[in-house]
């Protein structure tokens, strides 16, 4: 099992996206947050099985179209960013490399 570390940049991504969904429909933001944290929790067992994209492992949380970008160092999984799959690829690169 891996230990999980979530960087402030990923927590900010989650908070901003939760707010976005909550504005669409009350309660939807909480469902988003729960879904994302469930996907992140799964990394404690399944980290490393995902494809590498731009130097990061990329786990896909399909329900809300989010990509979870993470790295593994020993037994620690560090979640760097949680970004919408529909973002412009340039925006994704900038988010990952200007962290």
Protein backbone atom coordinates (compact mmCIF):
# COMPACT_ATOMS: atom_id res chain seq x y z
CA UNK A 1 0.00 0.00 0.00
CA UNK A 2 1.11 3.53 -0.78
CA UNK A 3 0.89 6.56 1.46
CA UNK A 4 -0.97 9.48 -0.10
CA UNK A 5 0.12 13.10 -0.18
CA UNK A 6 -2.07 15.74 -1.82
CA UNK A 7 -0.29 18.98 -2.69
CA UNK A 8 -1.96 22.36 -2.08
CA UNK A 9 -2.21 22.84 -5.87
CA UNK A 10 -4.40 19.71 -6.15
CA UNK A 11 -6.49 20.74 -3.14
CA UNK A 12 -7.08 24.12 -4.80
CA UNK A 13 -8.11 22.39 -8.04
CA UNK A 14 -10.60 20.27 -6.10
CA UNK A 15 -11.99 23.24 -4.17
CA UNK A 16 -12.44 25.37 -7.29
CA UNK A 17 -14.12 22.57 -9.23
CA UNK A 18 -16.34 21.70 -6.25
CA UNK A 19 -17.47 25.34 -6.12
CA UNK A 20 -18.17 25.27 -9.88
CA UNK A 21 -20.39 22.19 -9.59
CA UNK A 22 -22.10 23.49 -6.45
CA UNK A 23 -23.12 26.61 -8.38
CA UNK A 24 -24.74 24.42 -11.04
CA UNK A 25 -26.77 22.40 -8.55
CA UNK A 26 -26.69 22.35 -4.75
CA UNK A 27 -25.15 19.08 -3.56
CA UNK A 28 -23.41 18.38 -6.86
CA UNK A 29 -20.19 19.90 -5.56
CA UNK A 30 -20.21 17.52 -2.61
CA UNK A 31 -20.76 14.55 -4.92
CA UNK A 32 -17.83 15.75 -7.02
CA UNK A 33 -15.59 16.07 -3.95
CA UNK A 34 -16.56 12.60 -2.70
CA UNK A 35 -15.95 11.04 -6.12
CA UNK A 36 -12.52 12.65 -6.50
CA UNK A 37 -11.36 11.73 -3.00
CA UNK A 38 -12.55 8.17 -3.59
CA UNK A 39 -10.47 8.04 -6.80
CA UNK A 40 -7.48 9.47 -4.94
CA UNK A 41 -7.93 6.95 -2.11
CA UNK A 42 -7.83 4.17 -4.71
CA UNK A 43 -4.30 5.28 -5.60
CA UNK A 44 -3.11 3.87 -2.27
CA UNK A 45 -3.62 0.44 -3.84
CA UNK A 46 -3.47 0.99 -7.58
CA UNK A 47 -0.87 3.73 -8.10
CA UNK A 48 1.48 3.07 -10.97
CA UNK A 49 -0.95 1.22 -13.22
CA UNK A 50 -1.98 4.35 -15.10
CA UNK A 51 -0.38 5.71 -18.25
CA UNK A 52 2.30 8.35 -17.97
CA UNK A 53 1.35 11.67 -19.53
CA UNK A 54 3.69 14.67 -19.57
CA UNK A 55 5.90 13.00 -16.95
CA UNK A 56 3.06 12.29 -14.50
CA UNK A 57 0.90 9.24 -13.98
CA UNK A 58 -2.63 10.13 -15.02
CA UNK A 59 -5.60 8.48 -13.33
CA UNK A 60 -8.95 9.25 -14.89
CA UNK A 61 -12.02 9.94 -12.77
CA UNK A 62 -14.64 9.60 -15.48
CA UNK A 63 -17.77 10.59 -13.60
CA UNK A 64 -16.76 14.26 -13.50
CA UNK A 65 -14.23 14.18 -16.36
CA UNK A 66 -11.19 14.83 -14.18
CA UNK A 67 -7.58 13.70 -14.57
CA UNK A 68 -5.59 13.09 -11.40
CA UNK A 69 -1.91 13.74 -12.05
CA UNK A 70 0.46 12.09 -9.61
CA UNK A 71 4.01 10.87 -9.06
CA UNK A 72 5.40 8.00 -7.04
CA UNK A 73 8.49 8.27 -4.87
CA UNK A 74 9.16 5.06 -2.93
CA UNK A 75 5.96 4.23 -1.09
CA UNK A 76 4.50 7.76 -1.35
CA UNK A 77 2.04 8.84 -4.01
CA UNK A 78 1.96 12.60 -4.45
CA UNK A 79 -1.10 14.07 -6.17
CA UNK A 80 0.06 17.20 -8.01
CA UNK A 81 -3.04 18.37 -9.87
CA UNK A 82 -6.68 17.43 -10.51
CA UNK A 83 -7.62 18.90 -13.89
CA UNK A 84 -10.63 18.73 -16.17
CA UNK A 85 -10.07 16.36 -19.09
CA UNK A 86 -11.72 18.88 -21.39
CA UNK A 87 -9.12 21.60 -20.77
CA UNK A 88 -7.05 22.76 -23.69
CA UNK A 89 -3.84 20.65 -23.75
CA UNK A 90 -1.79 23.85 -23.48
CA UNK A 91 -3.62 24.78 -20.28
CA UNK A 92 -2.92 21.32 -18.83
CA UNK A 93 0.80 21.58 -19.65
CA UNK A 94 0.97 25.02 -18.08
CA UNK A 95 -0.80 23.81 -14.94
CA UNK A 96 1.59 20.88 -14.57
CA UNK A 97 4.81 22.69 -15.26
CA UNK A 98 4.07 26.03 -13.58
CA UNK A 99 3.11 24.39 -10.30
